[in-house]
Amino acid sequence: MGRTFCPACGTQLSYQSRKWPTTIDITTCSLDAPAKFPPTHHSWVSHDIGWVKTSGTLPAFPKFRPS
């Protein structure tokens, strides 16, 4: 469990938690064609930095998206 990083540039690629062992979060912008995977929601908005603005058009969750 943990994070994976690109060995060439260090970009974070994924995250997996012991709390949710069957779920892997993938950093969309690290993909070759991120436009093919548009966001469907915003998670963990309770931890956003003050200058981060979400779209306002997608569902937003203070923590993780409910199942």
N, C-alpha and C. Protein backbone atom coordinates (compact mmCIF):
# COMPACT_ATOMS: atom_id res chain seq x y z
N MET A 1 0.84 -1.17 0.00
CA MET A 1 0.00 0.00 0.00
C MET A 1 0.89 1.24 0.00
N GLY A 2 0.45 2.25 -0.66
CA GLY A 2 1.21 3.48 -0.71
C GLY A 2 1.04 4.21 -2.02
N ARG A 3 2.07 4.94 -2.40
CA ARG A 3 2.04 5.73 -3.62
C ARG A 3 3.06 5.19 -4.61
N THR A 4 2.73 5.32 -5.89
CA THR A 4 3.71 4.98 -6.93
C THR A 4 4.09 6.26 -7.66
N PHE A 5 5.33 6.29 -8.15
CA PHE A 5 5.86 7.48 -8.81
C PHE A 5 6.56 7.07 -10.10
N CYS A 6 6.58 7.99 -11.06
CA CYS A 6 7.30 7.76 -12.31
C CYS A 6 8.80 7.73 -12.00
N PRO A 7 9.51 6.68 -12.42
CA PRO A 7 10.94 6.62 -12.13
C PRO A 7 11.76 7.65 -12.91
N ALA A 8 11.20 8.17 -13.99
CA ALA A 8 11.94 9.15 -14.80
C ALA A 8 11.81 10.58 -14.27
N CYS A 9 10.59 10.97 -13.86
CA CYS A 9 10.39 12.38 -13.47
C CYS A 9 9.91 12.57 -12.04
N GLY A 10 9.44 11.50 -11.40
CA GLY A 10 8.99 11.61 -10.02
C GLY A 10 7.52 11.95 -9.84
N THR A 11 6.78 12.10 -10.92
CA THR A 11 5.35 12.41 -10.83
C THR A 11 4.62 11.29 -10.10
N GLN A 12 3.74 11.66 -9.17
CA GLN A 12 2.93 10.64 -8.51
C GLN A 12 1.96 10.05 -9.51
N LEU A 13 1.84 8.72 -9.53
CA LEU A 13 0.98 8.03 -10.47
C LEU A 13 -0.26 7.43 -9.83
N SER A 14 -0.10 6.88 -8.63
CA SER A 14 -1.25 6.24 -7.99
C SER A 14 -1.10 6.26 -6.47
N TYR A 15 -2.22 5.94 -5.82
CA TYR A 15 -2.25 5.87 -4.35
C TYR A 15 -3.17 4.72 -3.97
N GLN A 16 -2.75 3.94 -2.99
CA GLN A 16 -3.58 2.87 -2.46
C GLN A 16 -3.46 2.87 -0.95
N SER A 17 -4.60 2.72 -0.27
CA SER A 17 -4.65 2.77 1.19
C SER A 17 -4.98 1.41 1.78
N ARG A 18 -4.40 1.11 2.92
CA ARG A 18 -4.75 -0.13 3.62
C ARG A 18 -6.23 -0.11 4.04
N LYS A 19 -6.78 1.09 4.24
CA LYS A 19 -8.17 1.22 4.66
C LYS A 19 -9.13 0.76 3.56
N TRP A 20 -8.74 0.96 2.28
CA TRP A 20 -9.55 0.54 1.14
C TRP A 20 -8.65 -0.25 0.18
N PRO A 21 -8.30 -1.49 0.52
CA PRO A 21 -7.32 -2.25 -0.25
C PRO A 21 -7.76 -2.62 -1.67
N THR A 22 -9.05 -2.55 -1.96
CA THR A 22 -9.52 -2.90 -3.30
C THR A 22 -9.65 -1.68 -4.21
N THR A 23 -9.28 -0.51 -3.72
CA THR A 23 -9.38 0.73 -4.50
C THR A 23 -7.99 1.30 -4.76
N ILE A 24 -7.75 1.71 -6.00
CA ILE A 24 -6.51 2.38 -6.36
C ILE A 24 -6.87 3.71 -7.01
N ASP A 25 -6.37 4.81 -6.50
CA ASP A 25 -6.57 6.12 -7.10
C ASP A 25 -5.47 6.36 -8.12
N ILE A 26 -5.86 6.76 -9.32
CA ILE A 26 -4.91 7.05 -10.40
C ILE A 26 -4.92 8.55 -10.65
N THR A 27 -3.75 9.16 -10.75
CA THR A 27 -3.68 10.59 -11.06
C THR A 27 -3.94 10.78 -12.55
N THR A 28 -5.10 11.28 -12.86
CA THR A 28 -5.56 11.39 -14.25
C THR A 28 -4.59 12.19 -15.12
N CYS A 29 -4.07 13.27 -14.62
CA CYS A 29 -3.20 14.11 -15.45
C CYS A 29 -1.86 13.46 -15.76
N SER A 30 -1.57 12.34 -15.12
CA SER A 30 -0.33 11.63 -15.44
C SER A 30 -0.51 10.69 -16.63
N LEU A 31 -1.73 10.55 -17.11
CA LEU A 31 -2.00 9.66 -18.25
C LEU A 31 -1.58 10.32 -19.57
N ASP A 32 -1.35 9.53 -20.59
CA ASP A 32 -0.98 10.07 -21.90
C ASP A 32 -2.10 10.87 -22.54
N ALA A 33 -3.35 10.49 -22.26
CA ALA A 33 -4.50 11.18 -22.85
C ALA A 33 -5.52 11.49 -21.75
N PRO A 34 -5.20 12.42 -20.84
CA PRO A 34 -6.10 12.68 -19.72
C PRO A 34 -7.47 13.20 -20.13
N ALA A 35 -7.59 13.81 -21.30
CA ALA A 35 -8.89 14.32 -21.75
C ALA A 35 -9.90 13.20 -21.97
N LYS A 36 -9.42 11.97 -22.14
CA LYS A 36 -10.32 10.83 -22.31
C LYS A 36 -10.99 10.42 -21.00
N PHE A 37 -10.53 10.97 -19.89
CA PHE A 37 -11.04 10.61 -18.57
C PHE A 37 -11.43 11.87 -17.79
N PRO A 38 -12.47 12.57 -18.22
CA PRO A 38 -12.85 13.80 -17.53
C PRO A 38 -13.33 13.50 -16.10
N PRO A 39 -13.18 14.44 -15.21
CA PRO A 39 -13.61 14.21 -13.82
C PRO A 39 -15.12 14.03 -13.73
N THR A 40 -15.53 13.25 -12.74
CA THR A 40 -16.96 13.02 -12.50
C THR A 40 -17.40 13.62 -11.17
N HIS A 41 -16.43 13.99 -10.33
CA HIS A 41 -16.74 14.56 -9.02
C HIS A 41 -15.45 15.13 -8.43
N HIS A 42 -15.60 15.84 -7.33
CA HIS A 42 -14.46 16.35 -6.57
C HIS A 42 -14.48 15.68 -5.19
N SER A 43 -13.37 15.09 -4.79
CA SER A 43 -13.26 14.43 -3.48
C SER A 43 -12.33 15.22 -2.57
N TRP A 44 -12.52 15.07 -1.29
CA TRP A 44 -11.67 15.66 -0.27
C TRP A 44 -11.60 17.19 -0.37
N VAL A 45 -12.73 17.81 -0.72
CA VAL A 45 -12.73 19.28 -0.83
C VAL A 45 -12.54 19.95 0.53
N SER A 46 -12.75 19.21 1.61
CA SER A 46 -12.51 19.77 2.95
C SER A 46 -11.03 20.01 3.18
N HIS A 47 -10.17 19.47 2.34
CA HIS A 47 -8.73 19.63 2.47
C HIS A 47 -8.15 20.56 1.40
N ASP A 48 -9.03 21.17 0.59
CA ASP A 48 -8.53 22.04 -0.47
C ASP A 48 -7.79 23.25 0.11
N ILE A 49 -6.82 23.70 -0.64
CA ILE A 49 -6.11 24.94 -0.31
C ILE A 49 -7.03 26.09 -0.70
N GLY A 50 -6.97 27.19 0.00
CA GLY A 50 -7.88 28.31 -0.21
C GLY A 50 -8.00 28.80 -1.64
N TRP A 51 -6.92 28.75 -2.41
CA TRP A 51 -6.98 29.25 -3.78
C TRP A 51 -7.41 28.21 -4.79
N VAL A 52 -7.67 26.97 -4.35
CA VAL A 52 -8.16 25.93 -5.26
C VAL A 52 -9.66 26.14 -5.45
N LYS A 53 -10.08 26.22 -6.70
CA LYS A 53 -11.51 26.37 -7.02
C LYS A 53 -11.97 25.17 -7.83
N THR A 54 -13.04 24.53 -7.37
CA THR A 54 -13.60 23.41 -8.12
C THR A 54 -14.53 23.96 -9.20
N SER A 55 -14.96 23.13 -10.10
CA SER A 55 -15.75 23.56 -11.24
C SER A 55 -17.10 24.15 -10.84
N GLY A 56 -17.66 23.69 -9.74
CA GLY A 56 -18.99 24.14 -9.35
C GLY A 56 -20.10 23.41 -10.08
N THR A 57 -19.75 22.61 -11.08
CA THR A 57 -20.77 21.88 -11.84
C THR A 57 -20.78 20.39 -11.54
N LEU A 58 -19.76 19.90 -10.85
CA LEU A 58 -19.66 18.48 -10.52
C LEU A 58 -19.99 18.28 -9.04
N PRO A 59 -20.48 17.09 -8.68
CA PRO A 59 -20.68 16.81 -7.26
C PRO A 59 -19.36 16.94 -6.50
N ALA A 60 -19.45 17.47 -5.28
CA ALA A 60 -18.27 17.64 -4.44
C ALA A 60 -18.52 16.99 -3.09
N PHE A 61 -17.51 16.32 -2.59
CA PHE A 61 -17.63 15.60 -1.32
C PHE A 61 -16.55 16.05 -0.37
N PRO A 62 -16.89 16.31 0.90
CA PRO A 62 -15.89 16.76 1.88
C PRO A 62 -14.72 15.79 2.01
N LYS A 63 -15.03 14.50 1.93
CA LYS A 63 -13.99 13.47 1.99
C LYS A 63 -14.11 12.61 0.75
N PHE A 64 -14.24 11.30 0.90
CA PHE A 64 -14.33 10.42 -0.27
C PHE A 64 -15.75 10.34 -0.80
N ARG A 65 -15.88 9.93 -2.05
CA ARG A 65 -17.18 9.77 -2.68
C ARG A 65 -17.87 8.55 -2.08
N PRO A 66 -19.12 8.68 -1.67
CA PRO A 66 -19.83 7.51 -1.14
C PRO A 66 -19.96 6.42 -2.20
N SER A 67 -19.97 5.18 -1.77
CA SER A 67 -20.10 4.05 -2.71
C SER A 67 -21.48 3.97 -3.28
